[in-house]
Amino acid sequence: MIIVGSLFVLSGILLLYQLLLPVIYAVLGSLKKQDPEKDYTPASASVIVVTRNSADRISERVKNILERKYPGIELEVIVLADKSDDETARVVSALPGIVAYCSETRKGKAPLINIGAELAKGDILVFTDDNSAFEPGAIAELLKPFYYAGTGGACGRLILKGGNPAEKIFQNMENFFKSVEGKYGAVAGAYGSIFAIRKSKFVRLPEDRMIMDDFYTTLNVISAGDKFVFCKKAACTEAYNRTGKADLQRKKRIGTGNSNALPLIEATISTSRNLLFPFFIFSHKLLRWFTAPIMFLFFITNMMLPLENSAALFLLFAVQLIIYISSAVVAAAGMKIPNPPAAWLCLFMGFIEGKDIRSRPYWDN
């Protein structure tokens, strides 16, 4: 019973730590000043967009990029279309003012990003998604931190459009975490919809496995000893229109990509000169990936303790039981509402299954 009690306390501490993480980050943020902003623009930049099955939206996305004003910047836009089930290749090939690449075979995102980086002529590579939109001045703001020679990458701010208040609160919290990490030059994973790196810092992405390209690229920059900062003024919007089932599938895919990044995480921790980076990775990433088994351990050990002798333990067990039953009902019904327990479970399932599907470099959709 001593072992059960110890595991119960340990898992409870880890869950409580995650709840207190915003407070810990707030303290860290107050101790560090942001680097002074400089009115700086590099000579050239290349925006890279990888797309698939986007015939209905890719034109609008490219228009959103091109219509923004970039005084003093020689900007090129590279759109790479993976083999699609619709007319994406035809639409992309007909778009004016861009460099177009259309793959005749299914490659996946990482191989196309590698091709885009090879084609790019800009000093800075800007990465974005086909389902997002830059706010005015986003790219200009995203490029300003590169005034500092030690800055290897910069991440912008993501704004969700649609969805419910809980999802927006979670997204705002993510922006807050990244803003604090950015002050210390160690953003623990950029948003794929808006981030940039120096072209000289680009490392080819592995093409034999599922990865989260934004997270992988962030790690490569920090591993090289460079800063990866956050730009609050560089904003990008993304419509949240996923169903409950689609969102859980997405979490599972992210888990798989995280699993395949473990060797790089270990290498980055061992080579990075940033002393806070291991803390950020553990607190913001690793703990989240393993939240499901920690919650399970907390629940099982709670159940194994003598509940009849403690009203507090019984109440705690009852609350957990209600949460998990409700989560199962929401997931089974495919409801489009926040479901953290199911999301954490899918994230962990994808993490565990990562090695079994390591050789496939692309998602099913």
Protein backbone atom coordinates (compact mmCIF):
# COMPACT_ATOMS: atom_id res chain seq x y z
CA MET A 1 0.00 0.00 0.00
CA ILE A 2 2.98 2.31 0.54
CA ILE A 3 3.94 1.94 -3.15
CA VAL A 4 0.34 2.62 -4.23
CA GLY A 5 0.19 5.70 -2.04
CA SER A 6 3.52 6.97 -3.34
CA LEU A 7 2.42 6.56 -6.97
CA PHE A 8 -0.86 8.29 -6.15
CA VAL A 9 0.97 11.27 -4.66
CA LEU A 10 3.53 11.42 -7.49
CA SER A 11 0.92 11.35 -10.27
CA GLY A 12 -1.14 13.93 -8.37
CA ILE A 13 1.86 16.24 -8.08
CA LEU A 14 2.53 15.98 -11.83
CA LEU A 15 -1.10 16.80 -12.66
CA LEU A 16 -1.12 19.69 -10.19
CA TYR A 17 2.15 20.95 -11.68
CA GLN A 18 0.50 21.19 -15.09
CA LEU A 19 -2.37 23.18 -13.61
CA LEU A 20 0.12 25.59 -12.02
CA LEU A 21 2.26 25.89 -15.15
CA PRO A 22 0.71 29.22 -16.27
CA VAL A 23 1.69 30.74 -12.93
CA ILE A 24 5.24 29.40 -13.23
CA TYR A 25 5.52 30.78 -16.76
CA ALA A 26 4.16 34.14 -15.63
CA VAL A 27 6.93 34.37 -13.04
CA LEU A 28 9.59 33.43 -15.60
CA GLY A 29 8.18 35.97 -18.05
CA SER A 30 8.37 38.75 -15.48
CA LEU A 31 12.06 38.02 -14.87
CA LYS A 32 13.12 38.45 -18.49
CA LYS A 33 12.79 41.47 -20.77
CA GLN A 34 12.02 41.16 -24.46
CA ASP A 35 14.89 42.08 -26.78
CA PRO A 36 14.36 45.64 -28.08
CA GLU A 37 12.48 45.65 -31.37
CA LYS A 38 14.45 46.91 -34.36
CA ASP A 39 12.95 48.32 -37.56
CA TYR A 40 14.67 45.76 -39.75
CA THR A 41 13.91 43.91 -42.96
CA PRO A 42 16.20 41.38 -44.66
CA ALA A 43 17.01 41.80 -48.34
CA SER A 44 14.92 38.82 -49.39
CA ALA A 45 12.54 36.20 -48.06
CA SER A 46 10.75 33.16 -49.46
CA VAL A 47 7.30 32.06 -48.32
CA ILE A 48 6.83 28.28 -48.59
CA VAL A 49 3.35 26.76 -48.72
CA VAL A 50 2.78 23.01 -49.02
CA THR A 51 -0.73 22.04 -50.04
CA ARG A 52 -2.93 19.09 -50.96
CA ASN A 53 -6.61 18.77 -51.90
CA SER A 54 -7.00 22.55 -51.64
CA ALA A 55 -8.41 23.52 -55.03
CA ASP A 56 -11.20 25.42 -53.26
CA ARG A 57 -8.94 27.58 -51.10
CA ILE A 58 -5.35 27.76 -52.35
CA SER A 59 -5.99 30.74 -54.66
CA GLU A 60 -7.37 32.78 -51.78
CA ARG A 61 -4.42 31.79 -49.59
CA VAL A 62 -1.87 32.91 -52.17
CA LYS A 63 -3.82 36.13 -52.71
CA ASN A 64 -3.67 36.78 -48.97
CA ILE A 65 0.14 36.48 -49.08
CA LEU A 66 0.72 38.52 -52.21
CA GLU A 67 -1.65 41.38 -51.38
CA ARG A 68 0.23 42.31 -48.22
CA LYS A 69 2.72 45.15 -48.60
CA TYR A 70 6.40 44.30 -48.09
CA PRO A 71 8.38 47.54 -48.53
CA GLY A 72 12.06 46.88 -49.00
CA ILE A 73 11.72 43.09 -49.15
CA GLU A 74 12.27 41.01 -52.24
CA LEU A 75 9.60 38.38 -51.58
CA GLU A 76 9.00 35.16 -53.47
CA VAL A 77 6.12 32.75 -52.87
CA ILE A 78 6.68 29.03 -53.45
CA VAL A 79 3.64 26.74 -53.54
CA LEU A 80 4.27 23.01 -53.57
CA ALA A 81 1.29 20.77 -54.32
CA ASP A 82 1.35 17.13 -53.31
CA LYS A 83 -0.52 14.67 -55.53
CA SER A 84 -4.19 15.42 -54.85
CA ASP A 85 -7.62 13.94 -55.39
CA ASP A 86 -8.97 17.20 -56.80
CA GLU A 87 -7.82 19.94 -59.18
CA THR A 88 -5.18 21.41 -56.84
CA ALA A 89 -2.30 20.88 -59.30
CA ARG A 90 -4.15 22.63 -62.11
CA VAL A 91 -5.12 25.57 -59.89
CA VAL A 92 -1.59 25.97 -58.48
CA SER A 93 0.02 25.79 -61.93
CA ALA A 94 -2.19 28.63 -63.13
CA LEU A 95 -1.50 30.99 -60.20
CA PRO A 96 0.43 34.13 -61.25
CA GLY A 97 3.35 35.60 -59.35
CA ILE A 98 4.52 32.41 -57.65
CA VAL A 99 6.98 29.55 -58.05
CA ALA A 100 4.86 26.41 -58.48
CA TYR A 101 5.86 22.78 -57.95
CA CYS A 102 3.33 20.00 -58.45
CA SER A 103 4.27 16.46 -57.49
CA GLU A 104 2.99 13.64 -59.70
CA THR A 105 3.36 11.15 -56.84
CA ARG A 106 2.33 11.28 -53.20
CA LYS A 107 5.33 12.50 -51.23
CA GLY A 108 4.09 14.00 -48.00
CA LYS A 109 4.77 17.41 -46.46
CA ALA A 110 8.37 16.97 -45.29
CA PRO A 111 9.78 15.96 -48.71
CA LEU A 112 8.01 18.92 -50.32
CA ILE A 113 9.36 21.31 -47.70
CA ASN A 114 12.85 20.04 -48.54
CA ILE A 115 12.21 20.76 -52.21
CA GLY A 116 10.82 24.20 -51.38
CA ALA A 117 13.92 25.06 -49.33
CA GLU A 118 16.14 24.06 -52.25
CA LEU A 119 14.13 26.22 -54.67
CA ALA A 120 14.03 29.22 -52.34
CA LYS A 121 16.26 32.19 -53.13
CA GLY A 122 15.42 34.26 -50.05
CA ASP A 123 17.71 34.78 -47.07
CA ILE A 124 14.81 33.96 -44.75
CA LEU A 125 12.39 31.06 -45.20
CA VAL A 126 8.82 31.76 -44.06
CA PHE A 127 6.57 28.72 -43.59
CA THR A 128 2.80 28.74 -43.53
CA ASP A 129 -0.23 26.49 -44.15
CA ASP A 130 -2.86 26.57 -46.87
CA ASN A 131 -5.76 26.89 -44.39
CA SER A 132 -4.56 30.02 -42.61
CA ALA A 133 -4.32 33.74 -43.40
CA PHE A 134 -1.75 36.40 -42.50
CA GLU A 135 -2.95 39.49 -40.71
CA PRO A 136 -1.67 42.84 -42.11
CA GLY A 137 2.03 43.30 -41.47
CA ALA A 138 2.52 39.72 -40.29
CA ILE A 139 5.55 38.89 -42.44
CA ALA A 140 7.23 42.25 -41.87
CA GLU A 141 6.87 41.78 -38.10
CA LEU A 142 8.03 38.16 -38.29
CA LEU A 143 11.27 39.23 -39.99
CA LYS A 144 12.26 41.98 -37.53
CA PRO A 145 13.93 39.70 -34.94
CA PHE A 146 16.46 38.59 -37.55
CA TYR A 147 18.20 41.92 -36.97
CA TYR A 148 20.03 40.01 -34.22
CA ALA A 149 22.69 37.69 -35.58
CA GLY A 150 21.95 35.12 -32.88
CA THR A 151 18.32 34.73 -33.95
CA GLY A 152 17.88 31.62 -36.06
CA GLY A 153 14.09 31.42 -36.04
CA ALA A 154 10.92 33.31 -35.16
CA CYS A 155 7.36 32.18 -34.49
CA GLY A 156 4.25 34.30 -34.93
CA ARG A 157 0.98 34.36 -32.99
CA LEU A 158 -1.93 32.09 -33.97
CA ILE A 159 -5.51 33.31 -33.67
CA LEU A 160 -8.41 30.86 -33.91
CA LYS A 161 -11.56 31.91 -35.72
CA GLY A 162 -14.64 29.90 -34.81
CA GLY A 163 -14.72 27.14 -32.25
CA ASN A 164 -15.92 27.59 -28.70
CA PRO A 165 -14.56 29.76 -25.88
CA ALA A 166 -12.66 26.87 -24.28
CA GLU A 167 -10.69 26.23 -27.47
CA LYS A 168 -9.82 29.91 -27.75
CA ILE A 169 -8.69 30.00 -24.12
CA PHE A 170 -6.40 27.03 -24.79
CA GLN A 171 -4.99 28.76 -27.89
CA ASN A 172 -4.38 31.98 -26.00
CA MET A 173 -2.56 29.96 -23.34
CA GLU A 174 -0.36 28.43 -26.05
CA ASN A 175 0.48 31.91 -27.31
CA PHE A 176 1.35 32.92 -23.75
CA PHE A 177 3.64 29.92 -23.23
CA LYS A 178 5.46 30.61 -26.49
CA SER A 179 5.80 34.31 -25.68
CA VAL A 180 7.59 33.49 -22.41
CA GLU A 181 9.78 30.85 -24.06
CA GLY A 182 10.56 33.33 -26.81
CA LYS A 183 11.97 35.83 -24.32
CA TYR A 184 14.58 33.20 -23.50
CA GLY A 185 15.12 32.32 -27.17
CA ALA A 186 13.75 28.79 -26.77
CA VAL A 187 10.24 28.46 -28.21
CA ALA A 188 9.35 24.80 -27.69
CA GLY A 189 7.79 24.28 -31.10
CA ALA A 190 6.65 26.91 -33.61
CA TYR A 191 3.23 27.15 -35.24
CA GLY A 192 3.34 25.57 -38.70
CA SER A 193 1.06 28.33 -39.96
CA ILE A 194 3.49 31.16 -39.21
CA PHE A 195 7.19 30.81 -38.51
CA ALA A 196 10.48 31.71 -40.18
CA ILE A 197 14.14 30.65 -40.06
CA ARG A 198 17.34 31.72 -41.71
CA LYS A 199 17.86 29.67 -44.84
CA SER A 200 21.41 28.95 -43.68
CA LYS A 201 19.91 27.21 -40.63
CA PHE A 202 17.59 24.91 -42.55
CA VAL A 203 18.31 21.21 -42.06
CA ARG A 204 16.67 18.72 -44.40
CA LEU A 205 13.73 17.00 -42.79
CA PRO A 206 13.64 13.19 -42.61
CA GLU A 207 11.48 11.75 -45.38
CA ASP A 208 11.11 8.19 -44.09
CA ARG A 209 8.76 8.84 -41.18
CA MET A 210 5.91 10.96 -39.88
CA ILE A 211 7.15 14.15 -38.24
CA MET A 212 5.76 17.50 -37.16
CA ASP A 213 7.82 19.66 -39.50
CA ASP A 214 7.39 22.85 -37.46
CA PHE A 215 8.52 21.18 -34.23
CA TYR A 216 11.39 19.37 -35.96
CA THR A 217 12.65 22.57 -37.60
CA THR A 218 12.44 24.46 -34.30
CA LEU A 219 14.56 21.81 -32.60
CA ASN A 220 17.16 21.93 -35.38
CA VAL A 221 17.56 25.70 -34.98
CA ILE A 222 17.91 25.55 -31.19
CA SER A 223 20.23 22.53 -31.45
CA ALA A 224 22.57 24.66 -33.55
CA GLY A 225 22.86 27.14 -30.70
CA ASP A 226 20.60 29.82 -32.17
CA LYS A 227 17.63 31.59 -30.60
CA PHE A 228 14.05 30.86 -31.60
CA VAL A 229 11.89 33.82 -30.57
CA PHE A 230 8.20 34.76 -30.53
CA CYS A 231 6.62 37.72 -32.35
CA LYS A 232 3.30 38.78 -30.87
CA LYS A 233 2.68 41.34 -33.63
CA ALA A 234 3.10 38.74 -36.38
CA ALA A 235 -0.41 37.31 -36.36
CA CYS A 236 -2.01 34.57 -38.41
CA THR A 237 -5.63 33.43 -38.32
CA GLU A 238 -6.92 29.91 -38.75
CA ALA A 239 -10.52 28.77 -38.94
CA TYR A 240 -11.39 26.09 -36.40
CA ASN A 241 -13.95 23.93 -38.17
CA ARG A 242 -12.88 20.40 -37.27
CA THR A 243 -15.39 17.87 -36.00
CA GLY A 244 -14.80 16.18 -32.68
CA LYS A 245 -13.63 12.98 -34.41
CA ALA A 246 -11.34 14.84 -36.81
CA ASP A 247 -9.77 16.75 -33.92
CA LEU A 248 -9.00 13.53 -32.04
CA GLN A 249 -7.47 12.01 -35.19
CA ARG A 250 -5.32 15.10 -35.51
CA LYS A 251 -4.13 14.68 -31.92
CA LYS A 252 -3.17 11.09 -32.71
CA ARG A 253 -1.14 12.18 -35.75
CA ILE A 254 0.63 14.79 -33.62
CA GLY A 255 1.48 12.08 -31.12
CA THR A 256 3.06 10.00 -33.87
CA GLY A 257 5.14 12.95 -35.04
CA ASN A 258 6.22 13.63 -31.46
CA SER A 259 7.34 10.04 -31.04
CA ASN A 260 9.61 10.28 -34.06
CA ALA A 261 11.15 13.50 -32.72
CA LEU A 262 12.42 11.96 -29.48
CA PRO A 263 15.98 11.32 -30.74
CA LEU A 264 16.24 14.94 -31.90
CA ILE A 265 14.85 16.20 -28.58
CA GLU A 266 17.53 14.26 -26.74
CA ALA A 267 20.23 15.59 -29.07
CA THR A 268 18.96 19.16 -28.73
CA ILE A 269 18.95 19.00 -24.94
CA SER A 270 22.53 17.70 -24.96
CA THR A 271 23.85 20.30 -27.42
CA SER A 272 21.81 23.42 -26.70
CA ARG A 273 23.48 26.13 -24.64
CA ASN A 274 20.07 27.36 -23.46
CA LEU A 275 19.73 26.23 -19.85
CA LEU A 276 15.94 26.69 -19.76
CA PHE A 277 15.23 24.72 -22.91
CA PRO A 278 15.05 21.31 -21.10
CA PHE A 279 12.58 22.85 -18.62
CA PHE A 280 10.39 24.21 -21.43
CA ILE A 281 10.42 20.90 -23.31
CA PHE A 282 9.59 18.90 -20.18
CA SER A 283 6.87 21.25 -18.93
CA HIS A 284 5.24 22.33 -22.18
CA LYS A 285 5.69 19.20 -24.30
CA LEU A 286 6.75 15.95 -22.62
CA LEU A 287 4.37 16.19 -19.68
CA ARG A 288 1.48 16.91 -22.03
CA TRP A 289 2.32 13.90 -24.19
CA PHE A 290 2.23 11.64 -21.12
CA THR A 291 -0.78 13.23 -19.41
CA ALA A 292 -3.03 10.26 -20.29
CA PRO A 293 -0.97 7.58 -18.50
CA ILE A 294 -0.38 9.95 -15.57
CA MET A 295 -4.15 10.48 -15.26
CA PHE A 296 -4.72 6.72 -15.52
CA LEU A 297 -2.15 6.07 -12.79
CA PHE A 298 -3.79 8.69 -10.57
CA PHE A 299 -7.21 7.13 -11.13
CA ILE A 300 -6.12 3.51 -10.54
CA THR A 301 -4.08 4.28 -7.42
CA ASN A 302 -6.95 6.40 -6.10
CA MET A 303 -9.28 3.42 -6.59
CA MET A 304 -6.87 1.06 -4.81
CA LEU A 305 -6.66 3.21 -1.71
CA PRO A 306 -9.16 2.59 1.14
CA LEU A 307 -11.86 5.03 0.01
CA GLU A 308 -14.24 4.08 2.83
CA ASN A 309 -11.86 5.62 5.34
CA SER A 310 -11.53 9.00 3.60
CA ALA A 311 -14.32 11.19 2.30
CA ALA A 312 -11.77 13.27 0.36
CA LEU A 313 -10.38 10.25 -1.50
CA PHE A 314 -13.88 9.00 -2.29
CA LEU A 315 -14.96 12.41 -3.60
CA LEU A 316 -11.82 12.69 -5.71
CA PHE A 317 -12.46 9.25 -7.19
CA ALA A 318 -16.12 10.08 -7.92
CA VAL A 319 -15.17 13.33 -9.71
CA GLN A 320 -12.66 11.49 -11.90
CA LEU A 321 -15.20 8.81 -12.73
CA ILE A 322 -17.73 11.41 -13.83
CA ILE A 323 -15.12 13.17 -15.98
CA TYR A 324 -14.05 9.99 -17.77
CA ILE A 325 -17.59 8.73 -18.37
CA SER A 326 -18.57 12.14 -19.77
CA SER A 327 -15.47 12.17 -21.96
CA ALA A 328 -16.30 8.72 -23.35
CA VAL A 329 -19.86 9.80 -24.16
CA VAL A 330 -18.68 12.99 -25.90
CA ALA A 331 -16.09 11.06 -27.95
CA ALA A 332 -18.55 8.31 -28.94
CA ALA A 333 -21.11 10.88 -30.03
CA GLY A 334 -18.53 12.83 -32.03
CA MET A 335 -19.55 16.08 -30.36
CA LYS A 336 -17.66 19.19 -31.41
CA ILE A 337 -16.83 20.33 -27.89
CA PRO A 338 -13.55 20.29 -25.91
CA ASN A 339 -12.67 16.85 -24.64
CA PRO A 340 -9.25 17.04 -22.92
CA PRO A 341 -9.16 13.44 -21.56
CA ALA A 342 -9.90 11.98 -25.01
CA ALA A 343 -7.44 14.38 -26.65
CA TRP A 344 -4.64 13.41 -24.26
CA LEU A 345 -5.43 9.72 -24.79
CA CYS A 346 -5.27 10.07 -28.59
CA LEU A 347 -2.03 12.03 -28.29
CA PHE A 348 -0.49 9.24 -26.24
CA MET A 349 -1.88 6.50 -28.53
CA GLY A 350 -0.28 8.18 -31.52
CA PHE A 351 2.95 8.46 -29.57
CA ILE A 352 2.95 4.71 -28.81
CA GLU A 353 2.02 3.74 -32.36
CA GLY A 354 4.68 5.97 -33.90
CA LYS A 355 7.28 3.28 -34.34
CA ASP A 356 4.82 0.93 -36.06
CA ILE A 357 4.13 3.40 -38.87
CA ARG A 358 7.50 5.09 -38.92
CA SER A 359 8.12 4.36 -42.60
CA ARG A 360 5.07 6.28 -43.88
CA PRO A 361 5.87 10.00 -44.20
CA TYR A 362 2.35 11.33 -44.75
CA TRP A 363 -1.11 11.35 -43.20
CA ASP A 364 -4.14 9.58 -44.63
CA ASN A 365 -5.95 12.79 -45.55
